[in-house]
Protein backbone atom coordinates (compact mmCIF):
# COMPACT_ATOMS: atom_id res chain seq x y z
CA MET A 1 0.04 0.21 -0.21
CA MET A 2 1.05 3.21 -0.90
CA GLU A 3 2.62 5.26 2.47
CA LEU A 4 1.45 8.93 3.25
CA ASN A 5 3.65 11.30 4.95
CA ILE A 6 0.80 12.10 7.60
CA GLU A 7 3.51 13.32 9.93
CA GLY A 8 4.23 16.27 7.44
CA MET A 9 0.44 17.62 7.08
CA THR A 10 0.45 20.80 8.81
CA ASP A 11 -3.35 21.21 9.41
CA ALA A 12 -4.37 18.74 12.33
CA GLN A 13 -7.98 17.98 11.14
CA VAL A 14 -6.88 16.97 7.66
CA ARG A 15 -3.63 14.80 9.08
CA GLU A 16 -6.58 13.38 11.54
CA ASN A 17 -8.67 12.19 8.41
CA PHE A 18 -5.84 10.87 6.86
CA ILE A 19 -4.98 8.96 9.83
CA LYS A 20 -8.65 7.49 9.95
CA ILE A 21 -8.54 6.49 6.20
CA LEU A 22 -5.09 4.47 6.58
CA GLU A 23 -6.55 2.88 9.89
CA GLU A 24 -9.61 1.68 7.66
CA PHE A 25 -7.39 0.56 4.69
CA ARG A 26 -5.44 -1.36 7.07
CA ALA A 27 -8.37 -3.06 8.94
CA ASN A 28 -10.30 -4.04 5.60
CA PRO A 29 -8.26 -7.04 3.87
CA LEU A 30 -9.67 -6.12 0.58
CA LEU A 31 -8.95 -2.78 0.52
CA GLY A 32 -5.38 -3.55 2.14
CA GLY A 33 -4.61 -6.18 -0.49
CA HIS A 34 -3.69 -6.33 -4.09
CA PHE A 35 -6.23 -7.12 -6.78
CA LYS A 36 -6.30 -6.63 -10.43
CA PHE A 37 -9.89 -7.01 -12.54
CA TYR A 38 -10.27 -9.04 -15.36
CA GLU A 39 -13.23 -9.94 -17.76
CA GLU A 40 -12.99 -12.31 -20.00
CA ARG A 41 -14.98 -13.95 -22.78
CA PHE A 42 -14.76 -17.50 -23.17
CA SER A 43 -15.82 -18.91 -26.32
CA SER A 44 -16.24 -22.53 -25.44
CA GLY A 45 -17.00 -24.66 -22.16
CA THR A 46 -13.34 -26.44 -21.08
CA ILE A 47 -10.13 -25.62 -19.15
CA GLN A 48 -9.42 -21.89 -19.74
CA PHE A 49 -5.89 -20.06 -19.28
CA LEU A 50 -6.31 -16.42 -18.20
CA LYS A 51 -3.35 -14.67 -18.38
CA HIS A 52 -2.60 -12.48 -15.24
CA ASP A 53 0.32 -10.54 -15.34
CA LEU A 54 0.70 -10.17 -11.53
CA GLY A 55 4.17 -11.06 -11.24
CA PHE A 56 3.12 -13.67 -8.58
CA LYS A 57 0.63 -16.48 -8.23
CA PRO A 58 -2.58 -15.12 -7.06
CA TYR A 59 -3.63 -16.56 -3.53
CA ASP A 60 -7.14 -15.40 -3.83
CA VAL A 61 -9.51 -15.23 -7.00
CA LEU A 62 -12.96 -13.63 -6.24
CA ILE A 63 -15.18 -14.19 -9.32
CA THR A 64 -17.64 -11.55 -9.32
CA SER A 65 -19.72 -12.62 -12.35
CA VAL A 66 -20.58 -15.08 -14.67
CA SER A 67 -22.74 -14.74 -17.97
CA ASP A 68 -25.21 -17.35 -19.51
CA GLY A 69 -25.65 -19.44 -16.46
CA ALA A 70 -22.70 -21.19 -17.04
CA LEU A 71 -20.88 -22.94 -14.04
CA VAL A 72 -16.93 -21.52 -13.62
CA THR A 73 -14.21 -22.96 -11.07
CA ILE A 74 -11.06 -21.91 -10.28
CA ASN A 75 -8.23 -24.76 -10.43
CA PHE A 76 -6.01 -23.49 -8.15
CA LYS A 77 -3.45 -26.26 -8.10
CA GLU A 78 -2.76 -25.46 -11.90
CA THR A 79 -2.98 -21.46 -11.53
CA ASP A 80 0.67 -20.20 -11.11
CA ARG A 81 2.93 -16.82 -11.75
CA ASN A 82 1.45 -16.39 -15.41
CA PHE A 83 -2.03 -17.78 -15.85
CA ILE A 84 -5.34 -18.41 -13.81
CA VAL A 85 -6.68 -21.75 -14.89
CA LEU A 86 -10.46 -22.03 -14.88
CA ASN A 87 -13.02 -24.94 -15.80
CA THR A 88 -16.29 -23.37 -17.74
CA SER A 89 -19.16 -25.33 -18.80
CA GLN A 90 -20.45 -23.39 -21.57
CA PRO A 91 -19.43 -20.00 -23.58
CA CYS A 92 -19.52 -17.23 -21.17
CA THR A 93 -18.03 -14.07 -19.74
CA VAL A 94 -16.31 -14.08 -16.42
CA ARG A 95 -15.29 -11.04 -14.20
CA LEU A 96 -12.82 -11.63 -11.50
CA LEU A 97 -10.67 -10.08 -9.09
CA ALA A 98 -7.09 -11.85 -8.62
CA GLY A 99 -4.55 -11.24 -6.17
CA PHE A 100 -4.30 -11.36 -2.69
CA MET A 101 -5.91 -10.23 0.83
CA LYS A 102 -3.59 -8.75 3.25
CA ASN A 103 -3.23 -11.65 5.61
CA ARG A 104 -4.22 -10.76 9.70
CA GLU A 105 -0.45 -10.83 10.82
CA GLU A 106 0.38 -8.18 8.54
CA ARG A 107 -1.91 -5.47 9.60
């Protein structure tokens, strides 16, 4: 997460508001994590490889939407630092967030 120079803020009320915002980000695992959004149309129901360009193997993949009544599963065993591996039951559009949520120990 981006670090802010709160100590350098001269306005006490502004500084206090930024402190509260930072505390909220640190307390929320989605806001404090690192995610990238993807939307991909798959033309068949089969094993799919979605290139993610995260630079690391995503620990968390959150499907937010699937079109056309399709069933989609994530194959975490085969997912790696280059591709998210999905199984789709039929042609569909999949929307998802991939990355990692901040661990409790890191807060």
